[in-house]
Amino acid sequence: MSVFRGIHGAVVAHLGELIVRGDVAPGAVLDPVRLENELGVSRTVLREALRVLAAKGMVDARPKRGTLVRPREEWALLDADVLRWQAQNRADDAFLSDLAEVRDIVEPAGARLAAQRRTDADLAALGDAVERMTDPDAVVEADLAFHRALLAAAHNALLRQLEEVIATGLRARDLLVHADGGHDDSVPAHRAVLDAVTRGDADGAERAVRELLARADRDVGAITSGKEPE
């Protein structure tokens, strides 16, 4: 999550979302005077916000040319704020597809390691998340907690850094599936992962996660295509 708060954070988020939605095209020059007037902020606040976006690779200040919007491929795409802004842009099907592919690569491998390295504390965290999934009001946060706990159980510091990517993928899916009201009971699928990890069954854990992710893809695909989930 972003560390910025108040008016500064609001301006960063507003400009970031404008760029992600394509309201300001790559190569376009941002007019500071117009932005100050539109947003009702001081030059100092706007300058600091643009510095934050520059650090995320989204804009570039150039002498005599002003501040330009950079192409998407130059953004810090794994930055927590950039991920969140893209996930909130429901029209970006390509981004949702990219997230699903990353999850397909990362989570099965993470599950294999979790089955080999999990501790009692890891199993307790996974079990608690599964139990909380039975509460309809807690299912979204419980789902997120489960997948975070699964990566944590792999005990790989670099893999753990991908947590925000996984979390964003889950939030994007939940935005579609749970808001639509068409999701079904995912507890058995998650419990299958937990059972395999508990047994220390690396192959079984990988297989269970792949089945869980395939199910999630079907749910999203059914909703975006207007069909009933299988």
C-alpha atoms as a PDB file:
ATOM      1  CA  MET A   1       0.000   0.000   0.000  1.00  0.00           C
ATOM      2  CA  SER A   2       1.070   3.557  -0.551  1.00  0.00           C
ATOM      3  CA  VAL A   3       2.769   5.319   2.360  1.00  0.00           C
ATOM      4  CA  PHE A   4       1.342   8.685   1.288  1.00  0.00           C
ATOM      5  CA  ARG A   5      -1.632  10.265   3.000  1.00  0.00           C
ATOM      6  CA  GLY A   6      -3.713  13.407   2.852  1.00  0.00           C
ATOM      7  CA  ILE A   7      -3.725  15.841  -0.050  1.00  0.00           C
ATOM      8  CA  HIS A   8      -0.320  14.680  -1.264  1.00  0.00           C
ATOM      9  CA  GLY A   9      -1.454  11.073  -1.501  1.00  0.00           C
ATOM     10  CA  ALA A  10      -4.725  12.087  -3.138  1.00  0.00           C
ATOM     11  CA  VAL A  11      -2.901  14.006  -5.872  1.00  0.00           C
ATOM     12  CA  VAL A  12      -0.471  11.122  -6.488  1.00  0.00           C
ATOM     13  CA  ALA A  13      -3.358   8.671  -6.760  1.00  0.00           C
ATOM     14  CA  HIS A  14      -5.435  10.965  -8.991  1.00  0.00           C
ATOM     15  CA  LEU A  15      -2.617  11.549 -11.464  1.00  0.00           C
ATOM     16  CA  GLY A  16      -1.544   7.909 -11.387  1.00  0.00           C
ATOM     17  CA  GLU A  17      -5.061   6.728 -12.158  1.00  0.00           C
ATOM     18  CA  LEU A  18      -5.374   9.256 -15.003  1.00  0.00           C
ATOM     19  CA  ILE A  19      -2.226   7.882 -16.588  1.00  0.00           C
ATOM     20  CA  VAL A  20      -3.178   4.236 -16.081  1.00  0.00           C
ATOM     21  CA  ARG A  21      -6.628   4.779 -17.625  1.00  0.00           C
ATOM     22  CA  GLY A  22      -4.997   6.383 -20.642  1.00  0.00           C
ATOM     23  CA  ASP A  23      -6.683   9.735 -20.054  1.00  0.00           C
ATOM     24  CA  VAL A  24      -3.212  11.194 -20.542  1.00  0.00           C
ATOM     25  CA  ALA A  25      -1.426   9.410 -23.372  1.00  0.00           C
ATOM     26  CA  PRO A  26       2.251   8.380 -23.347  1.00  0.00           C
ATOM     27  CA  GLY A  27       4.379  11.253 -24.587  1.00  0.00           C
ATOM     28  CA  ALA A  28       1.863  13.875 -23.526  1.00  0.00           C
ATOM     29  CA  VAL A  29       3.152  16.846 -21.547  1.00  0.00           C
ATOM     30  CA  LEU A  30       1.473  17.552 -18.205  1.00  0.00           C
ATOM     31  CA  ASP A  31       0.538  21.211 -17.778  1.00  0.00           C
ATOM     32  CA  PRO A  32       1.391  22.130 -14.161  1.00  0.00           C
ATOM     33  CA  VAL A  33      -0.628  25.343 -14.143  1.00  0.00           C
ATOM     34  CA  ARG A  34      -3.749  23.595 -15.421  1.00  0.00           C
ATOM     35  CA  LEU A  35      -3.310  20.756 -12.938  1.00  0.00           C
ATOM     36  CA  GLU A  36      -2.824  23.158 -10.036  1.00  0.00           C
ATOM     37  CA  ASN A  37      -6.058  24.921 -10.945  1.00  0.00           C
ATOM     38  CA  GLU A  38      -8.032  21.743 -11.584  1.00  0.00           C
ATOM     39  CA  LEU A  39      -6.896  20.060  -8.378  1.00  0.00           C
ATOM     40  CA  GLY A  40      -6.799  23.187  -6.238  1.00  0.00           C
ATOM     41  CA  VAL A  41      -3.313  22.459  -4.911  1.00  0.00           C
ATOM     42  CA  SER A  42      -0.095  24.410  -4.577  1.00  0.00           C
ATOM     43  CA  ARG A  43       2.882  24.159  -6.901  1.00  0.00           C
ATOM     44  CA  THR A  44       4.820  22.450  -4.089  1.00  0.00           C
ATOM     45  CA  VAL A  45       2.227  19.698  -3.633  1.00  0.00           C
ATOM     46  CA  LEU A  46       2.013  19.070  -7.375  1.00  0.00           C
ATOM     47  CA  ARG A  47       5.800  19.024  -7.740  1.00  0.00           C
ATOM     48  CA  GLU A  48       6.158  16.458  -4.954  1.00  0.00           C
ATOM     49  CA  ALA A  49       3.411  14.302  -6.457  1.00  0.00           C
ATOM     50  CA  LEU A  50       5.136  14.328  -9.836  1.00  0.00           C
ATOM     51  CA  ARG A  51       8.395  13.328  -8.167  1.00  0.00           C
ATOM     52  CA  VAL A  52       6.640  10.282  -6.714  1.00  0.00           C
ATOM     53  CA  LEU A  53       5.273   9.344 -10.121  1.00  0.00           C
ATOM     54  CA  ALA A  54       8.709   9.859 -11.649  1.00  0.00           C
ATOM     55  CA  ALA A  55      10.161   7.421  -9.114  1.00  0.00           C
ATOM     56  CA  LYS A  56       7.544   4.917 -10.292  1.00  0.00           C
ATOM     57  CA  GLY A  57       8.688   5.410 -13.879  1.00  0.00           C
ATOM     58  CA  MET A  58       5.374   6.926 -14.972  1.00  0.00           C
ATOM     59  CA  VAL A  59       6.543  10.442 -15.826  1.00  0.00           C
ATOM     60  CA  ASP A  60       9.817  12.066 -16.790  1.00  0.00           C
ATOM     61  CA  ALA A  61      10.751  15.707 -16.272  1.00  0.00           C
ATOM     62  CA  ARG A  62      12.876  17.083 -19.118  1.00  0.00           C
ATOM     63  CA  PRO A  63      14.497  20.521 -19.405  1.00  0.00           C
ATOM     64  CA  LYS A  64      12.600  22.879 -21.707  1.00  0.00           C
ATOM     65  CA  ARG A  65      10.017  20.168 -22.458  1.00  0.00           C
ATOM     66  CA  GLY A  66       8.251  19.801 -19.146  1.00  0.00           C
ATOM     67  CA  THR A  67       6.951  16.610 -17.525  1.00  0.00           C
ATOM     68  CA  LEU A  68       6.080  13.872 -20.003  1.00  0.00           C
ATOM     69  CA  VAL A  69       4.076  10.686 -19.487  1.00  0.00           C
ATOM     70  CA  ARG A  70       6.246   7.627 -20.105  1.00  0.00           C
ATOM     71  CA  PRO A  71       5.162   4.477 -21.978  1.00  0.00           C
ATOM     72  CA  ARG A  72       3.638   1.687 -19.882  1.00  0.00           C
ATOM     73  CA  GLU A  73       6.579  -0.648 -20.461  1.00  0.00           C
ATOM     74  CA  GLU A  74       8.811   1.835 -18.636  1.00  0.00           C
ATOM     75  CA  TRP A  75       6.637   1.981 -15.496  1.00  0.00           C
ATOM     76  CA  ALA A  76       7.596   0.208 -12.294  1.00  0.00           C
ATOM     77  CA  LEU A  77       4.854  -2.325 -12.922  1.00  0.00           C
ATOM     78  CA  LEU A  78       5.485  -4.225  -9.671  1.00  0.00           C
ATOM     79  CA  ASP A  79       5.177  -1.082  -7.554  1.00  0.00           C
ATOM     80  CA  ALA A  80       2.291  -1.519  -5.084  1.00  0.00           C
ATOM     81  CA  ASP A  81       0.513   1.676  -6.153  1.00  0.00           C
ATOM     82  CA  VAL A  82       0.942   1.031  -9.876  1.00  0.00           C
ATOM     83  CA  LEU A  83      -0.382  -2.499  -9.419  1.00  0.00           C
ATOM     84  CA  ARG A  84      -3.416  -1.236  -7.517  1.00  0.00           C
ATOM     85  CA  TRP A  85      -4.231   1.493 -10.037  1.00  0.00           C
ATOM     86  CA  GLN A  86      -4.088  -1.010 -12.868  1.00  0.00           C
ATOM     87  CA  ALA A  87      -6.248  -3.507 -10.990  1.00  0.00           C
ATOM     88  CA  GLN A  88      -8.850  -0.794 -10.419  1.00  0.00           C
ATOM     89  CA  ASN A  89      -8.961  -0.112 -14.150  1.00  0.00           C
ATOM     90  CA  ARG A  90     -11.563  -2.757 -14.938  1.00  0.00           C
ATOM     91  CA  ALA A  91     -11.241  -2.191 -18.698  1.00  0.00           C
ATOM     92  CA  ASP A  92      -7.657  -3.456 -18.707  1.00  0.00           C
ATOM     93  CA  ASP A  93      -8.238  -7.115 -19.549  1.00  0.00           C
ATOM     94  CA  ALA A  94      -4.613  -7.512 -20.637  1.00  0.00           C
ATOM     95  CA  PHE A  95      -3.421  -6.563 -17.162  1.00  0.00           C
ATOM     96  CA  LEU A  96      -5.784  -9.053 -15.520  1.00  0.00           C
ATOM     97  CA  SER A  97      -4.500 -11.722 -17.905  1.00  0.00           C
ATOM     98  CA  ASP A  98      -0.888 -10.851 -17.045  1.00  0.00           C
ATOM     99  CA  LEU A  99      -1.663 -11.139 -13.337  1.00  0.00           C
ATOM    100  CA  ALA A 100      -3.291 -14.529 -13.821  1.00  0.00           C
ATOM    101  CA  GLU A 101      -0.238 -15.782 -15.720  1.00  0.00           C
ATOM    102  CA  VAL A 102       2.120 -14.581 -12.980  1.00  0.00           C
ATOM    103  CA  ARG A 103       0.022 -16.355 -10.356  1.00  0.00           C
ATOM    104  CA  ASP A 104       0.083 -19.526 -12.457  1.00  0.00           C
ATOM    105  CA  ILE A 105       3.889 -19.374 -12.478  1.00  0.00           C
ATOM    106  CA  VAL A 106       4.528 -18.328  -8.876  1.00  0.00           C
ATOM    107  CA  GLU A 107       1.931 -19.983  -6.661  1.00  0.00           C
ATOM    108  CA  PRO A 108       2.333 -23.635  -7.706  1.00  0.00           C
ATOM    109  CA  ALA A 109       6.097 -23.357  -7.149  1.00  0.00           C
ATOM    110  CA  GLY A 110       5.463 -21.635  -3.835  1.00  0.00           C
ATOM    111  CA  ALA A 111       3.117 -24.429  -2.787  1.00  0.00           C
ATOM    112  CA  ARG A 112       5.779 -27.050  -3.524  1.00  0.00           C
ATOM    113  CA  LEU A 113       8.253 -25.244  -1.281  1.00  0.00           C
ATOM    114  CA  ALA A 114       5.596 -24.709   1.379  1.00  0.00           C
ATOM    115  CA  ALA A 115       4.930 -28.449   1.537  1.00  0.00           C
ATOM    116  CA  GLN A 116       8.633 -29.045   2.111  1.00  0.00           C
ATOM    117  CA  ARG A 117       9.373 -26.205   4.523  1.00  0.00           C
ATOM    118  CA  ARG A 118       6.169 -25.346   6.409  1.00  0.00           C
ATOM    119  CA  THR A 119       6.254 -24.921  10.160  1.00  0.00           C
ATOM    120  CA  ASP A 120       3.521 -25.438  12.714  1.00  0.00           C
ATOM    121  CA  ALA A 121       2.959 -21.685  12.725  1.00  0.00           C
ATOM    122  CA  ASP A 122       2.563 -21.686   8.932  1.00  0.00           C
ATOM    123  CA  LEU A 123      -0.019 -24.478   9.111  1.00  0.00           C
ATOM    124  CA  ALA A 124      -1.896 -22.620  11.830  1.00  0.00           C
ATOM    125  CA  ALA A 125      -2.048 -19.470   9.674  1.00  0.00           C
ATOM    126  CA  LEU A 126      -3.277 -21.429   6.658  1.00  0.00           C
ATOM    127  CA  GLY A 127      -5.850 -23.282   8.734  1.00  0.00           C
ATOM    128  CA  ASP A 128      -7.149 -20.088  10.312  1.00  0.00           C
ATOM    129  CA  ALA A 129      -7.598 -18.515   6.875  1.00  0.00           C
ATOM    130  CA  VAL A 130      -9.542 -21.533   5.614  1.00  0.00           C
ATOM    131  CA  GLU A 131     -11.831 -21.448   8.639  1.00  0.00           C
ATOM    132  CA  ARG A 132     -12.545 -17.750   8.146  1.00  0.00           C
ATOM    133  CA  MET A 133     -13.565 -18.408   4.528  1.00  0.00           C
ATOM    134  CA  THR A 134     -16.780 -19.948   5.834  1.00  0.00           C
ATOM    135  CA  ASP A 135     -17.929 -16.447   6.825  1.00  0.00           C
ATOM    136  CA  PRO A 136     -19.319 -14.679   3.714  1.00  0.00           C
ATOM    137  CA  ASP A 137     -18.389 -11.293   5.177  1.00  0.00           C
ATOM    138  CA  ALA A 138     -14.767 -12.356   5.731  1.00  0.00           C
ATOM    139  CA  VAL A 139     -14.127 -14.479   2.639  1.00  0.00           C
ATOM    140  CA  VAL A 140     -12.243 -11.829   0.648  1.00  0.00           C
ATOM    141  CA  GLU A 141      -9.740 -11.010   3.385  1.00  0.00           C
ATOM    142  CA  ALA A 142      -9.477 -14.679   4.369  1.00  0.00           C
ATOM    143  CA  ASP A 143      -8.671 -15.651   0.782  1.00  0.00           C
ATOM    144  CA  LEU A 144      -5.960 -13.007   0.667  1.00  0.00           C
ATOM    145  CA  ALA A 145      -4.571 -14.180   4.022  1.00  0.00           C
ATOM    146  CA  PHE A 146      -4.440 -17.782   2.798  1.00  0.00           C
ATOM    147  CA  HIS A 147      -2.388 -17.020  -0.295  1.00  0.00           C
ATOM    148  CA  ARG A 148      -0.054 -14.733   1.637  1.00  0.00           C
ATOM    149  CA  ALA A 149       0.440 -17.442   4.254  1.00  0.00           C
ATOM    150  CA  LEU A 150       1.142 -19.979   1.497  1.00  0.00           C
ATOM    151  CA  LEU A 151       3.955 -17.835   0.074  1.00  0.00           C
ATOM    152  CA  ALA A 152       5.265 -17.162   3.576  1.00  0.00           C
ATOM    153  CA  ALA A 153       5.389 -20.914   4.225  1.00  0.00           C
ATOM    154  CA  ALA A 154       7.830 -21.299   1.320  1.00  0.00           C
ATOM    155  CA  HIS A 155      10.394 -19.411   3.441  1.00  0.00           C
ATOM    156  CA  ASN A 156      12.007 -17.760   0.442  1.00  0.00           C
ATOM    157  CA  ALA A 157      12.670 -14.055   0.976  1.00  0.00           C
ATOM    158  CA  LEU A 158      12.666 -13.206  -2.737  1.00  0.00           C
ATOM    159  CA  LEU A 159       9.491 -15.149  -3.407  1.00  0.00           C
ATOM    160  CA  ARG A 160       7.847 -13.326  -0.505  1.00  0.00           C
ATOM    161  CA  GLN A 161       8.529 -10.046  -2.322  1.00  0.00           C
ATOM    162  CA  LEU A 162       6.018 -11.116  -4.964  1.00  0.00           C
ATOM    163  CA  GLU A 163       3.292 -11.063  -2.342  1.00  0.00           C
ATOM    164  CA  GLU A 164       1.897  -7.752  -3.523  1.00  0.00           C
ATOM    165  CA  VAL A 165       1.562  -9.084  -7.073  1.00  0.00           C
ATOM    166  CA  ILE A 166      -0.411 -12.061  -5.801  1.00  0.00           C
ATOM    167  CA  ALA A 167      -2.499  -9.853  -3.519  1.00  0.00           C
ATOM    168  CA  THR A 168      -3.332  -7.502  -6.387  1.00  0.00           C
ATOM    169  CA  GLY A 169      -4.339 -10.427  -8.569  1.00  0.00           C
ATOM    170  CA  LEU A 170      -6.671 -11.657  -5.837  1.00  0.00           C
ATOM    171  CA  ARG A 171      -8.172  -8.221  -5.287  1.00  0.00           C
ATOM    172  CA  ALA A 172      -8.779  -7.815  -9.016  1.00  0.00           C
ATOM    173  CA  ARG A 173     -10.483 -11.207  -9.144  1.00  0.00           C
ATOM    174  CA  ASP A 174     -12.553 -10.476  -6.048  1.00  0.00           C
ATOM    175  CA  LEU A 175     -13.637  -7.159  -7.519  1.00  0.00           C
ATOM    176  CA  LEU A 176     -15.250  -9.124 -10.327  1.00  0.00           C
ATOM    177  CA  VAL A 177     -16.322 -12.394  -8.730  1.00  0.00           C
ATOM    178  CA  HIS A 178     -17.459 -11.485  -5.235  1.00  0.00           C
ATOM    179  CA  ALA A 179     -19.069  -8.196  -6.273  1.00  0.00           C
ATOM    180  CA  ASP A 180     -20.982 -10.093  -8.957  1.00  0.00           C
ATOM    181  CA  GLY A 181     -22.352 -12.492  -6.359  1.00  0.00           C
ATOM    182  CA  GLY A 182     -21.765 -15.485  -8.613  1.00  0.00           C
ATOM    183  CA  HIS A 183     -18.942 -17.138  -6.690  1.00  0.00           C
ATOM    184  CA  ASP A 184     -19.435 -20.525  -5.088  1.00  0.00           C
ATOM    185  CA  ASP A 185     -17.860 -22.215  -2.074  1.00  0.00           C
ATOM    186  CA  SER A 186     -14.078 -22.191  -2.467  1.00  0.00           C
ATOM    187  CA  VAL A 187     -13.347 -23.712   0.952  1.00  0.00           C
ATOM    188  CA  PRO A 188     -12.897 -27.309  -0.306  1.00  0.00           C
ATOM    189  CA  ALA A 189     -10.404 -26.209  -2.963  1.00  0.00           C
ATOM    190  CA  HIS A 190      -8.370 -24.250  -0.418  1.00  0.00           C
ATOM    191  CA  ARG A 191      -8.586 -27.062   2.110  1.00  0.00           C
ATOM    192  CA  ALA A 192      -7.156 -29.444  -0.502  1.00  0.00           C
ATOM    193  CA  VAL A 193      -4.084 -27.193  -0.727  1.00  0.00           C
ATOM    194  CA  LEU A 194      -3.807 -27.060   3.065  1.00  0.00           C
ATOM    195  CA  ASP A 195      -4.117 -30.843   3.382  1.00  0.00           C
ATOM    196  CA  ALA A 196      -1.342 -31.433   0.839  1.00  0.00           C
ATOM    197  CA  VAL A 197       0.952 -28.905   2.513  1.00  0.00           C
ATOM    198  CA  THR A 198       0.218 -30.473   5.902  1.00  0.00           C
ATOM    199  CA  ARG A 199       1.153 -33.941   4.568  1.00  0.00           C
ATOM    200  CA  GLY A 200       4.350 -32.560   3.085  1.00  0.00           C
ATOM    201  CA  ASP A 201       3.109 -33.664  -0.352  1.00  0.00           C
ATOM    202  CA  ALA A 202       4.863 -31.271  -2.755  1.00  0.00           C
ATOM    203  CA  ASP A 203       3.315 -32.774  -5.898  1.00  0.00           C
ATOM    204  CA  GLY A 204      -0.123 -32.756  -4.328  1.00  0.00           C
ATOM    205  CA  ALA A 205       0.233 -29.158  -3.153  1.00  0.00           C
ATOM    206  CA  GLU A 206       1.275 -27.984  -6.600  1.00  0.00           C
ATOM    207  CA  ARG A 207      -1.579 -29.897  -8.216  1.00  0.00           C
ATOM    208  CA  ALA A 208      -4.139 -28.518  -5.749  1.00  0.00           C
ATOM    209  CA  VAL A 209      -2.992 -24.934  -6.331  1.00  0.00           C
ATOM    210  CA  ARG A 210      -3.161 -25.381 -10.097  1.00  0.00           C
ATOM    211  CA  GLU A 211      -6.718 -26.635  -9.762  1.00  0.00           C
ATOM    212  CA  LEU A 212      -7.568 -23.700  -7.493  1.00  0.00           C
ATOM    213  CA  LEU A 213      -6.158 -21.186  -9.968  1.00  0.00           C
ATOM    214  CA  ALA A 214      -7.922 -22.848 -12.902  1.00  0.00           C
ATOM    215  CA  ARG A 215     -11.164 -22.557 -10.983  1.00  0.00           C
ATOM    216  CA  ALA A 216     -10.505 -18.861 -10.331  1.00  0.00           C
ATOM    217  CA  ASP A 217      -9.812 -18.285 -14.037  1.00  0.00           C
ATOM    218  CA  ARG A 218     -13.096 -19.991 -14.956  1.00  0.00           C
ATOM    219  CA  ASP A 219     -15.012 -17.819 -12.504  1.00  0.00           C
ATOM    220  CA  VAL A 220     -13.556 -14.608 -13.943  1.00  0.00           C
ATOM    221  CA  GLY A 221     -13.972 -15.791 -17.518  1.00  0.00           C
ATOM    222  CA  ALA A 222     -17.596 -16.692 -16.937  1.00  0.00           C
ATOM    223  CA  ILE A 223     -18.362 -13.287 -15.468  1.00  0.00           C
ATOM    224  CA  THR A 224     -16.551 -11.263 -18.113  1.00  0.00           C
ATOM    225  CA  SER A 225     -18.254 -13.293 -20.863  1.00  0.00           C
ATOM    226  CA  GLY A 226     -21.655 -13.067 -19.195  1.00  0.00           C
ATOM    227  CA  LYS A 227     -22.009 -16.821 -18.707  1.00  0.00           C
ATOM    228  CA  GLU A 228     -22.804 -18.793 -15.582  1.00  0.00           C
ATOM    229  CA  PRO A 229     -19.705 -20.199 -13.782  1.00  0.00           C
ATOM    230  CA  GLU A 230     -19.225 -23.920 -14.332  1.00  0.00           C
END
